[in-house]
């Protein structure tokens, strides 16, 4: 019985020492990770806008449905008016890409 207490006492001291060491390590001041060098500059990469056009759509049905669902085209218009509005939408998108500044 005495041997068990001595063995467990040594194990307890070991774990107590480990916990104390970890706690002391947490209280140390952290050195700054960045250097204050005035010659360093932050480089921000911008997305390059390329001049291109959207390939012609084979089927504009999904685009029509999306524009009607978003409210950009009134669903009560005739098919010709809807087709004209879809073509205008595509033309505006292509014009925005052509006027893209590099």
PDB file of N, CA and C in Angstrom:
ATOM      1  N   UNK A   1       0.824  -1.188   0.000  1.00  0.00           N
ATOM      2  CA  UNK A   1       0.000   0.000   0.000  1.00  0.00           C
ATOM      3  C   UNK A   1       0.870   1.254   0.000  1.00  0.00           C
ATOM      4  N   UNK A   2       1.930   1.252   0.737  1.00  0.00           N
ATOM      5  CA  UNK A   2       2.840   2.383   0.808  1.00  0.00           C
ATOM      6  C   UNK A   2       3.550   2.565  -0.532  1.00  0.00           C
ATOM      7  N   UNK A   3       3.865   1.475  -1.198  1.00  0.00           N
ATOM      8  CA  UNK A   3       4.551   1.545  -2.492  1.00  0.00           C
ATOM      9  C   UNK A   3       3.638   2.209  -3.528  1.00  0.00           C
ATOM     10  N   UNK A   4       2.355   1.906  -3.506  1.00  0.00           N
ATOM     11  CA  UNK A   4       1.407   2.485  -4.457  1.00  0.00           C
ATOM     12  C   UNK A   4       1.316   3.993  -4.252  1.00  0.00           C
ATOM     13  N   UNK A   5       1.265   4.459  -3.022  1.00  0.00           N
ATOM     14  CA  UNK A   5       1.184   5.892  -2.740  1.00  0.00           C
ATOM     15  C   UNK A   5       2.448   6.593  -3.211  1.00  0.00           C
ATOM     16  N   UNK A   6       3.604   5.980  -2.996  1.00  0.00           N
ATOM     17  CA  UNK A   6       4.868   6.576  -3.419  1.00  0.00           C
ATOM     18  C   UNK A   6       4.921   6.663  -4.943  1.00  0.00           C
ATOM     19  N   UNK A   7       4.480   5.593  -5.617  1.00  0.00           N
ATOM     20  CA  UNK A   7       4.499   5.589  -7.088  1.00  0.00           C
ATOM     21  C   UNK A   7       3.549   6.652  -7.621  1.00  0.00           C
ATOM     22  N   UNK A   8       2.322   6.693  -7.103  1.00  0.00           N
ATOM     23  CA  UNK A   8       1.362   7.682  -7.566  1.00  0.00           C
ATOM     24  C   UNK A   8       1.784   9.091  -7.172  1.00  0.00           C
ATOM     25  N   UNK A   9       2.478   9.226  -6.061  1.00  0.00           N
ATOM     26  CA  UNK A   9       2.967  10.539  -5.657  1.00  0.00           C
ATOM     27  C   UNK A   9       3.981  11.077  -6.645  1.00  0.00           C
ATOM     28  N   UNK A  10       4.861  10.225  -7.156  1.00  0.00           N
ATOM     29  CA  UNK A  10       5.847  10.648  -8.146  1.00  0.00           C
ATOM     30  C   UNK A  10       5.176  11.016  -9.470  1.00  0.00           C
ATOM     31  N   UNK A  11       4.162  10.265  -9.841  1.00  0.00           N
ATOM     32  CA  UNK A  11       3.445  10.551 -11.082  1.00  0.00           C
ATOM     33  C   UNK A  11       2.706  11.874 -10.949  1.00  0.00           C
ATOM     34  N   UNK A  12       2.107  12.110  -9.801  1.00  0.00           N
ATOM     35  CA  UNK A  12       1.382  13.358  -9.569  1.00  0.00           C
ATOM     36  C   UNK A  12       2.335  14.549  -9.618  1.00  0.00           C
ATOM     37  N   UNK A  13       3.533  14.376  -9.028  1.00  0.00           N
ATOM     38  CA  UNK A  13       4.516  15.460  -9.057  1.00  0.00           C
ATOM     39  C   UNK A  13       4.951  15.756 -10.493  1.00  0.00           C
ATOM     40  N   UNK A  14       5.097  14.711 -11.280  1.00  0.00           N
ATOM     41  CA  UNK A  14       5.496  14.889 -12.675  1.00  0.00           C
ATOM     42  C   UNK A  14       4.441  15.696 -13.431  1.00  0.00           C
ATOM     43  N   UNK A  15       3.174  15.286 -13.327  1.00  0.00           N
ATOM     44  CA  UNK A  15       2.107  15.997 -14.033  1.00  0.00           C
ATOM     45  C   UNK A  15       1.921  17.416 -13.500  1.00  0.00           C
ATOM     46  N   UNK A  16       2.095  17.610 -12.206  1.00  0.00           N
ATOM     47  CA  UNK A  16       2.012  18.942 -11.641  1.00  0.00           C
ATOM     48  C   UNK A  16       3.133  19.825 -12.193  1.00  0.00           C
ATOM     49  N   UNK A  17       4.318  19.267 -12.331  1.00  0.00           N
ATOM     50  CA  UNK A  17       5.436  20.009 -12.913  1.00  0.00           C
ATOM     51  C   UNK A  17       5.180  20.371 -14.374  1.00  0.00           C
ATOM     52  N   UNK A  18       4.590  19.439 -15.130  1.00  0.00           N
ATOM     53  CA  UNK A  18       4.278  19.709 -16.537  1.00  0.00           C
ATOM     54  C   UNK A  18       3.251  20.828 -16.640  1.00  0.00           C
ATOM     55  N   UNK A  19       2.209  20.778 -15.814  1.00  0.00           N
ATOM     56  CA  UNK A  19       1.171  21.806 -15.843  1.00  0.00           C
ATOM     57  C   UNK A  19       1.750  23.161 -15.465  1.00  0.00           C
ATOM     58  N   UNK A  20       2.586  23.210 -14.465  1.00  0.00           N
ATOM     59  CA  UNK A  20       3.186  24.478 -14.045  1.00  0.00           C
ATOM     60  C   UNK A  20       4.080  25.052 -15.153  1.00  0.00           C
ATOM     61  N   UNK A  21       4.841  24.192 -15.815  1.00  0.00           N
ATOM     62  CA  UNK A  21       5.699  24.648 -16.910  1.00  0.00           C
ATOM     63  C   UNK A  21       4.870  25.226 -18.050  1.00  0.00           C
ATOM     64  N   UNK A  22       3.772  24.553 -18.380  1.00  0.00           N
ATOM     65  CA  UNK A  22       2.905  25.047 -19.446  1.00  0.00           C
ATOM     66  C   UNK A  22       2.269  26.381 -19.073  1.00  0.00           C
ATOM     67  N   UNK A  23       1.866  26.522 -17.829  1.00  0.00           N
ATOM     68  CA  UNK A  23       1.262  27.778 -17.397  1.00  0.00           C
ATOM     69  C   UNK A  23       2.270  28.919 -17.420  1.00  0.00           C
ATOM     70  N   UNK A  24       3.495  28.650 -17.039  1.00  0.00           N
ATOM     71  CA  UNK A  24       4.524  29.685 -17.076  1.00  0.00           C
ATOM     72  C   UNK A  24       4.840  30.084 -18.517  1.00  0.00           C
ATOM     73  N   UNK A  25       4.802  29.115 -19.428  1.00  0.00           N
ATOM     74  CA  UNK A  25       5.059  29.412 -20.832  1.00  0.00           C
ATOM     75  C   UNK A  25       3.974  30.280 -21.440  1.00  0.00           C
ATOM     76  N   UNK A  26       2.746  30.153 -20.971  1.00  0.00           N
ATOM     77  CA  UNK A  26       1.638  30.937 -21.517  1.00  0.00           C
ATOM     78  C   UNK A  26       1.718  32.399 -21.097  1.00  0.00           C
ATOM     79  N   UNK A  27       2.416  32.700 -20.013  1.00  0.00           N
ATOM     80  CA  UNK A  27       2.459  34.062 -19.504  1.00  0.00           C
ATOM     81  C   UNK A  27       3.624  34.869 -20.063  1.00  0.00           C
ATOM     82  N   UNK A  28       4.460  34.272 -20.892  1.00  0.00           N
ATOM     83  CA  UNK A  28       5.585  35.002 -21.446  1.00  0.00           C
ATOM     84  C   UNK A  28       5.099  35.966 -22.518  1.00  0.00           C
ATOM     85  N   UNK A  29       5.779  37.089 -22.606  1.00  0.00           N
ATOM     86  CA  UNK A  29       5.425  38.094 -23.610  1.00  0.00           C
ATOM     87  C   UNK A  29       5.813  37.578 -24.992  1.00  0.00           C
ATOM     88  N   UNK A  30       4.938  37.814 -25.938  1.00  0.00           N
ATOM     89  CA  UNK A  30       5.178  37.354 -27.299  1.00  0.00           C
ATOM     90  C   UNK A  30       5.945  38.432 -28.054  1.00  0.00           C
ATOM     91  N   UNK A  31       7.002  38.033 -28.720  1.00  0.00           N
ATOM     92  CA  UNK A  31       7.774  38.968 -29.537  1.00  0.00           C
ATOM     93  C   UNK A  31       6.980  39.275 -30.799  1.00  0.00           C
ATOM     94  N   UNK A  32       7.042  40.500 -31.273  1.00  0.00           N
ATOM     95  CA  UNK A  32       6.301  40.834 -32.501  1.00  0.00           C
ATOM     96  C   UNK A  32       6.807  40.003 -33.676  1.00  0.00           C
ATOM     97  N   UNK A  33       5.870  39.516 -34.474  1.00  0.00           N
ATOM     98  CA  UNK A  33       6.218  38.659 -35.593  1.00  0.00           C
ATOM     99  C   UNK A  33       6.586  39.452 -36.838  1.00  0.00           C
ATOM    100  N   UNK A  34       6.157  40.693 -36.903  1.00  0.00           N
ATOM    101  CA  UNK A  34       6.454  41.495 -38.085  1.00  0.00           C
ATOM    102  C   UNK A  34       7.535  42.508 -37.761  1.00  0.00           C
ATOM    103  N   UNK A  35       8.329  42.779 -38.744  1.00  0.00           N
ATOM    104  CA  UNK A  35       9.355  43.799 -38.573  1.00  0.00           C
ATOM    105  C   UNK A  35       8.820  45.119 -39.090  1.00  0.00           C
ATOM    106  N   UNK A  36       9.286  46.171 -38.516  1.00  0.00           N
ATOM    107  CA  UNK A  36       8.844  47.508 -38.923  1.00  0.00           C
ATOM    108  C   UNK A  36       9.885  48.093 -39.867  1.00  0.00           C
ATOM    109  N   UNK A  37       9.816  47.651 -41.088  1.00  0.00           N
ATOM    110  CA  UNK A  37      10.750  48.125 -42.097  1.00  0.00           C
ATOM    111  C   UNK A  37       9.980  49.017 -43.056  1.00  0.00           C
ATOM    112  N   UNK A  38      10.422  50.242 -43.198  1.00  0.00           N
ATOM    113  CA  UNK A  38       9.696  51.200 -44.029  1.00  0.00           C
ATOM    114  C   UNK A  38       9.834  50.893 -45.512  1.00  0.00           C
ATOM    115  N   UNK A  39      10.800  50.065 -45.885  1.00  0.00           N
ATOM    116  CA  UNK A  39      10.980  49.767 -47.304  1.00  0.00           C
ATOM    117  C   UNK A  39      10.006  48.695 -47.789  1.00  0.00           C
ATOM    118  N   UNK A  40       9.340  48.014 -46.880  1.00  0.00           N
ATOM    119  CA  UNK A  40       8.378  46.988 -47.278  1.00  0.00           C
ATOM    120  C   UNK A  40       7.076  47.646 -47.699  1.00  0.00           C
ATOM    121  N   UNK A  41       6.522  47.166 -48.772  1.00  0.00           N
ATOM    122  CA  UNK A  41       5.258  47.688 -49.257  1.00  0.00           C
ATOM    123  C   UNK A  41       4.301  46.529 -49.474  1.00  0.00           C
ATOM    124  N   UNK A  42       3.045  46.784 -49.203  1.00  0.00           N
ATOM    125  CA  UNK A  42       2.024  45.774 -49.413  1.00  0.00           C
ATOM    126  C   UNK A  42       1.595  45.835 -50.868  1.00  0.00           C
ATOM    127  N   UNK A  43       1.637  44.689 -51.519  1.00  0.00           N
ATOM    128  CA  UNK A  43       1.255  44.619 -52.924  1.00  0.00           C
ATOM    129  C   UNK A  43      -0.134  44.005 -53.003  1.00  0.00           C
ATOM    130  N   UNK A  44      -1.045  44.752 -53.590  1.00  0.00           N
ATOM    131  CA  UNK A  44      -2.407  44.268 -53.754  1.00  0.00           C
ATOM    132  C   UNK A  44      -2.583  43.901 -55.217  1.00  0.00           C
ATOM    133  N   UNK A  45      -2.894  42.643 -55.443  1.00  0.00           N
ATOM    134  CA  UNK A  45      -3.092  42.195 -56.815  1.00  0.00           C
ATOM    135  C   UNK A  45      -4.546  42.396 -57.196  1.00  0.00           C
ATOM    136  N   UNK A  46      -4.747  43.094 -58.287  1.00  0.00           N
ATOM    137  CA  UNK A  46      -6.093  43.327 -58.780  1.00  0.00           C
ATOM    138  C   UNK A  46      -6.403  42.319 -59.876  1.00  0.00           C
ATOM    139  N   UNK A  47      -7.663  41.992 -59.984  1.00  0.00           N
ATOM    140  CA  UNK A  47      -8.087  41.090 -61.033  1.00  0.00           C
ATOM    141  C   UNK A  47      -8.012  41.839 -62.355  1.00  0.00           C
ATOM    142  N   UNK A  48      -7.343  41.241 -63.294  1.00  0.00           N
ATOM    143  CA  UNK A  48      -7.180  41.882 -64.591  1.00  0.00           C
ATOM    144  C   UNK A  48      -8.470  41.706 -65.375  1.00  0.00           C
ATOM    145  N   UNK A  49      -8.981  42.800 -65.864  1.00  0.00           N
ATOM    146  CA  UNK A  49     -10.200  42.784 -66.659  1.00  0.00           C
ATOM    147  C   UNK A  49      -9.792  42.611 -68.112  1.00  0.00           C
ATOM    148  N   UNK A  50     -10.203  41.547 -68.707  1.00  0.00           N
ATOM    149  CA  UNK A  50      -9.821  41.259 -70.084  1.00  0.00           C
ATOM    150  C   UNK A  50     -10.927  41.662 -71.041  1.00  0.00           C
ATOM    151  N   UNK A  51     -10.517  42.188 -72.157  1.00  0.00           N
ATOM    152  CA  UNK A  51     -11.495  42.547 -73.170  1.00  0.00           C
ATOM    153  C   UNK A  51     -11.861  41.284 -73.944  1.00  0.00           C
ATOM    154  N   UNK A  52     -13.078  40.862 -73.789  1.00  0.00           N
ATOM    155  CA  UNK A  52     -13.554  39.680 -74.495  1.00  0.00           C
ATOM    156  C   UNK A  52     -15.060  39.769 -74.604  1.00  0.00           C
ATOM    157  N   UNK A  53     -15.604  38.876 -75.349  1.00  0.00           N
ATOM    158  CA  UNK A  53     -17.054  38.819 -75.476  1.00  0.00           C
ATOM    159  C   UNK A  53     -17.528  37.455 -75.029  1.00  0.00           C
ATOM    160  N   UNK A  54     -18.757  37.423 -74.619  1.00  0.00           N
ATOM    161  CA  UNK A  54     -19.363  36.162 -74.217  1.00  0.00           C
ATOM    162  C   UNK A  54     -19.686  35.388 -75.488  1.00  0.00           C
ATOM    163  N   UNK A  55     -19.388  34.100 -75.530  1.00  0.00           N
ATOM    164  CA  UNK A  55     -19.741  33.343 -76.727  1.00  0.00           C
ATOM    165  C   UNK A  55     -21.245  33.373 -76.943  1.00  0.00           C
ATOM    166  N   UNK A  56     -21.675  33.330 -78.188  1.00  0.00           N
ATOM    167  CA  UNK A  56     -23.107  33.402 -78.455  1.00  0.00           C
ATOM    168  C   UNK A  56     -23.850  32.241 -77.802  1.00  0.00           C
ATOM    169  N   UNK A  57     -25.003  32.562 -77.234  1.00  0.00           N
ATOM    170  CA  UNK A  57     -25.800  31.540 -76.565  1.00  0.00           C
ATOM    171  C   UNK A  57     -26.582  30.738 -77.595  1.00  0.00           C
ATOM    172  N   UNK A  58     -26.567  29.422 -77.436  1.00  0.00           N
ATOM    173  CA  UNK A  58     -27.340  28.569 -78.334  1.00  0.00           C
ATOM    174  C   UNK A  58     -28.802  28.541 -77.918  1.00  0.00           C
ATOM    175  N   UNK A  59     -29.028  28.537 -76.606  1.00  0.00           N
ATOM    176  CA  UNK A  59     -30.390  28.487 -76.089  1.00  0.00           C
ATOM    177  C   UNK A  59     -30.511  29.549 -75.002  1.00  0.00           C
ATOM    178  N   UNK A  60     -31.355  30.529 -75.223  1.00  0.00           N
ATOM    179  CA  UNK A  60     -31.504  31.626 -74.271  1.00  0.00           C
ATOM    180  C   UNK A  60     -32.656  31.403 -73.297  1.00  0.00           C
ATOM    181  N   UNK A  61     -33.234  30.214 -73.300  1.00  0.00           N
ATOM    182  CA  UNK A  61     -34.405  29.951 -72.461  1.00  0.00           C
ATOM    183  C   UNK A  61     -34.074  30.116 -70.971  1.00  0.00           C
ATOM    184  N   UNK A  62     -32.939  29.582 -70.536  1.00  0.00           N
ATOM    185  CA  UNK A  62     -32.570  29.701 -69.118  1.00  0.00           C
ATOM    186  C   UNK A  62     -32.309  31.157 -68.740  1.00  0.00           C
ATOM    187  N   UNK A  63     -31.695  31.897 -69.660  1.00  0.00           N
ATOM    188  CA  UNK A  63     -31.450  33.312 -69.399  1.00  0.00           C
ATOM    189  C   UNK A  63     -32.767  34.066 -69.296  1.00  0.00           C
ATOM    190  N   UNK A  64     -33.719  33.750 -70.158  1.00  0.00           N
ATOM    191  CA  UNK A  64     -35.047  34.376 -70.092  1.00  0.00           C
ATOM    192  C   UNK A  64     -35.699  34.097 -68.745  1.00  0.00           C
ATOM    193  N   UNK A  65     -35.657  32.827 -68.318  1.00  0.00           N
ATOM    194  CA  UNK A  65     -36.271  32.451 -67.037  1.00  0.00           C
ATOM    195  C   UNK A  65     -35.612  33.187 -65.879  1.00  0.00           C
ATOM    196  N   UNK A  66     -34.295  33.300 -65.933  1.00  0.00           N
ATOM    197  CA  UNK A  66     -33.581  33.971 -64.840  1.00  0.00           C
ATOM    198  C   UNK A  66     -33.899  35.463 -64.806  1.00  0.00           C
ATOM    199  N   UNK A  67     -33.960  36.094 -65.959  1.00  0.00           N
ATOM    200  CA  UNK A  67     -34.267  37.526 -66.009  1.00  0.00           C
ATOM    201  C   UNK A  67     -35.701  37.806 -65.568  1.00  0.00           C
ATOM    202  N   UNK A  68     -36.623  36.924 -65.913  1.00  0.00           N
ATOM    203  CA  UNK A  68     -38.010  37.086 -65.464  1.00  0.00           C
ATOM    204  C   UNK A  68     -38.101  36.865 -63.961  1.00  0.00           C
ATOM    205  N   UNK A  69     -37.374  35.848 -63.450  1.00  0.00           N
ATOM    206  CA  UNK A  69     -37.395  35.563 -62.010  1.00  0.00           C
ATOM    207  C   UNK A  69     -36.782  36.713 -61.212  1.00  0.00           C
ATOM    208  N   UNK A  70     -35.743  37.354 -61.748  1.00  0.00           N
ATOM    209  CA  UNK A  70     -35.093  38.472 -61.054  1.00  0.00           C
ATOM    210  C   UNK A  70     -35.873  39.767 -61.184  1.00  0.00           C
ATOM    211  N   UNK A  71     -36.855  39.795 -62.081  1.00  0.00           N
ATOM    212  CA  UNK A  71     -37.659  40.996 -62.256  1.00  0.00           C
ATOM    213  C   UNK A  71     -37.080  41.991 -63.239  1.00  0.00           C
ATOM    214  N   UNK A  72     -36.050  41.597 -63.974  1.00  0.00           N
ATOM    215  CA  UNK A  72     -35.456  42.509 -64.951  1.00  0.00           C
ATOM    216  C   UNK A  72     -36.292  42.573 -66.228  1.00  0.00           C
ATOM    217  N   UNK A  73     -37.081  41.530 -66.459  1.00  0.00           N
ATOM    218  CA  UNK A  73     -37.993  41.495 -67.605  1.00  0.00           C
ATOM    219  C   UNK A  73     -39.373  41.151 -67.068  1.00  0.00           C
ATOM    220  N   UNK A  74     -40.374  41.850 -67.573  1.00  0.00           N
ATOM    221  CA  UNK A  74     -41.757  41.579 -67.167  1.00  0.00           C
ATOM    222  C   UNK A  74     -42.243  40.327 -67.897  1.00  0.00           C
ATOM    223  N   UNK A  75     -42.790  39.385 -67.159  1.00  0.00           N
ATOM    224  CA  UNK A  75     -43.244  38.124 -67.733  1.00  0.00           C
ATOM    225  C   UNK A  75     -44.492  38.251 -68.581  1.00  0.00           C
ATOM    226  N   UNK A  76     -45.201  39.370 -68.479  1.00  0.00           N
ATOM    227  CA  UNK A  76     -46.441  39.539 -69.236  1.00  0.00           C
ATOM    228  C   UNK A  76     -46.199  40.065 -70.648  1.00  0.00           C
ATOM    229  N   UNK A  77     -44.962  40.310 -71.020  1.00  0.00           N
ATOM    230  CA  UNK A  77     -44.646  40.808 -72.358  1.00  0.00           C
ATOM    231  C   UNK A  77     -44.811  39.696 -73.391  1.00  0.00           C
ATOM    232  N   UNK A  78     -44.912  40.085 -74.641  1.00  0.00           N
ATOM    233  CA  UNK A  78     -45.006  39.088 -75.712  1.00  0.00           C
ATOM    234  C   UNK A  78     -43.636  38.440 -75.919  1.00  0.00           C
ATOM    235  N   UNK A  79     -43.633  37.335 -76.656  1.00  0.00           N
ATOM    236  CA  UNK A  79     -42.379  36.611 -76.888  1.00  0.00           C
ATOM    237  C   UNK A  79     -41.365  37.466 -77.642  1.00  0.00           C
ATOM    238  N   UNK A  80     -41.822  38.267 -78.595  1.00  0.00           N
ATOM    239  CA  UNK A  80     -40.906  39.130 -79.342  1.00  0.00           C
ATOM    240  C   UNK A  80     -40.282  40.189 -78.436  1.00  0.00           C
ATOM    241  N   UNK A  81     -41.083  40.763 -77.544  1.00  0.00           N
ATOM    242  CA  UNK A  81     -40.557  41.782 -76.626  1.00  0.00           C
ATOM    243  C   UNK A  81     -39.575  41.169 -75.634  1.00  0.00           C
ATOM    244  N   UNK A  82     -39.888  39.962 -75.162  1.00  0.00           N
ATOM    245  CA  UNK A  82     -38.970  39.273 -74.246  1.00  0.00           C
ATOM    246  C   UNK A  82     -37.661  38.967 -74.964  1.00  0.00           C
ATOM    247  N   UNK A  83     -37.741  38.483 -76.195  1.00  0.00           N
ATOM    248  CA  UNK A  83     -36.539  38.185 -76.982  1.00  0.00           C
ATOM    249  C   UNK A  83     -35.714  39.451 -77.206  1.00  0.00           C
ATOM    250  N   UNK A  84     -36.382  40.555 -77.495  1.00  0.00           N
ATOM    251  CA  UNK A  84     -35.695  41.836 -77.687  1.00  0.00           C
ATOM    252  C   UNK A  84     -35.015  42.281 -76.385  1.00  0.00           C
ATOM    253  N   UNK A  85     -35.678  42.108 -75.241  1.00  0.00           N
ATOM    254  CA  UNK A  85     -35.105  42.496 -73.947  1.00  0.00           C
ATOM    255  C   UNK A  85     -33.896  41.624 -73.608  1.00  0.00           C
ATOM    256  N   UNK A  86     -33.966  40.329 -73.926  1.00  0.00           N
ATOM    257  CA  UNK A  86     -32.833  39.427 -73.674  1.00  0.00           C
ATOM    258  C   UNK A  86     -31.648  39.836 -74.544  1.00  0.00           C
ATOM    259  N   UNK A  87     -31.904  40.149 -75.803  1.00  0.00           N
ATOM    260  CA  UNK A  87     -30.820  40.587 -76.696  1.00  0.00           C
ATOM    261  C   UNK A  87     -30.200  41.895 -76.211  1.00  0.00           C
ATOM    262  N   UNK A  88     -31.021  42.814 -75.717  1.00  0.00           N
ATOM    263  CA  UNK A  88     -30.493  44.063 -75.149  1.00  0.00           C
ATOM    264  C   UNK A  88     -29.632  43.785 -73.929  1.00  0.00           C
ATOM    265  N   UNK A  89     -30.058  42.841 -73.087  1.00  0.00           N
ATOM    266  CA  UNK A  89     -29.290  42.471 -71.892  1.00  0.00           C
ATOM    267  C   UNK A  89     -27.922  41.924 -72.299  1.00  0.00           C
ATOM    268  N   UNK A  90     -27.904  41.036 -73.286  1.00  0.00           N
ATOM    269  CA  UNK A  90     -26.641  40.457 -73.755  1.00  0.00           C
ATOM    270  C   UNK A  90     -25.761  41.548 -74.364  1.00  0.00           C
ATOM    271  N   UNK A  91     -26.345  42.456 -75.131  1.00  0.00           N
ATOM    272  CA  UNK A  91     -25.601  43.546 -75.752  1.00  0.00           C
ATOM    273  C   UNK A  91     -24.972  44.446 -74.686  1.00  0.00           C
ATOM    274  N   UNK A  92     -25.709  44.735 -73.610  1.00  0.00           N
ATOM    275  CA  UNK A  92     -25.175  45.578 -72.528  1.00  0.00           C
ATOM    276  C   UNK A  92     -24.017  44.890 -71.821  1.00  0.00           C
ATOM    277  N   UNK A  93     -24.137  43.590 -71.608  1.00  0.00           N
ATOM    278  CA  UNK A  93     -23.048  42.854 -70.957  1.00  0.00           C
ATOM    279  C   UNK A  93     -21.795  42.858 -71.820  1.00  0.00           C
ATOM    280  N   UNK A  94     -21.959  42.659 -73.112  1.00  0.00           N
ATOM    281  CA  UNK A  94     -20.801  42.688 -74.015  1.00  0.00           C
ATOM    282  C   UNK A  94     -20.185  44.081 -74.080  1.00  0.00           C
ATOM    283  N   UNK A  95     -21.017  45.124 -74.051  1.00  0.00           N
ATOM    284  CA  UNK A  95     -20.503  46.494 -74.083  1.00  0.00           C
ATOM    285  C   UNK A  95     -19.708  46.805 -72.817  1.00  0.00           C
ATOM    286  N   UNK A  96     -20.140  46.265 -71.692  1.00  0.00           N
ATOM    287  CA  UNK A  96     -19.411  46.490 -70.440  1.00  0.00           C
ATOM    288  C   UNK A  96     -18.031  45.857 -70.511  1.00  0.00           C
ATOM    289  N   UNK A  97     -17.917  44.709 -71.162  1.00  0.00           N
ATOM    290  CA  UNK A  97     -16.610  44.068 -71.296  1.00  0.00           C
ATOM    291  C   UNK A  97     -15.715  44.816 -72.283  1.00  0.00           C
ATOM    292  N   UNK A  98     -16.302  45.414 -73.314  1.00  0.00           N
ATOM    293  CA  UNK A  98     -15.501  46.158 -74.291  1.00  0.00           C
ATOM    294  C   UNK A  98     -14.941  47.437 -73.686  1.00  0.00           C
ATOM    295  N   UNK A  99     -15.673  48.051 -72.771  1.00  0.00           N
ATOM    296  CA  UNK A  99     -15.235  49.301 -72.146  1.00  0.00           C
ATOM    297  C   UNK A  99     -14.372  49.061 -70.917  1.00  0.00           C
ATOM    298  N   UNK A 100     -13.946  47.859 -70.729  1.00  0.00           N
ATOM    299  CA  UNK A 100     -13.177  47.482 -69.545  1.00  0.00           C
ATOM    300  C   UNK A 100     -11.792  48.120 -69.599  1.00  0.00           C
ATOM    301  N   UNK A 101     -11.415  48.806 -68.533  1.00  0.00           N
ATOM    302  CA  UNK A 101     -10.094  49.436 -68.459  1.00  0.00           C
ATOM    303  C   UNK A 101      -9.102  48.443 -67.896  1.00  0.00           C
ATOM    304  N   UNK A 102      -7.937  48.395 -68.507  1.00  0.00           N
ATOM    305  CA  UNK A 102      -6.920  47.450 -68.035  1.00  0.00           C
ATOM    306  C   UNK A 102      -6.152  48.036 -66.891  1.00  0.00           C
TER     307      UNK A 102
END
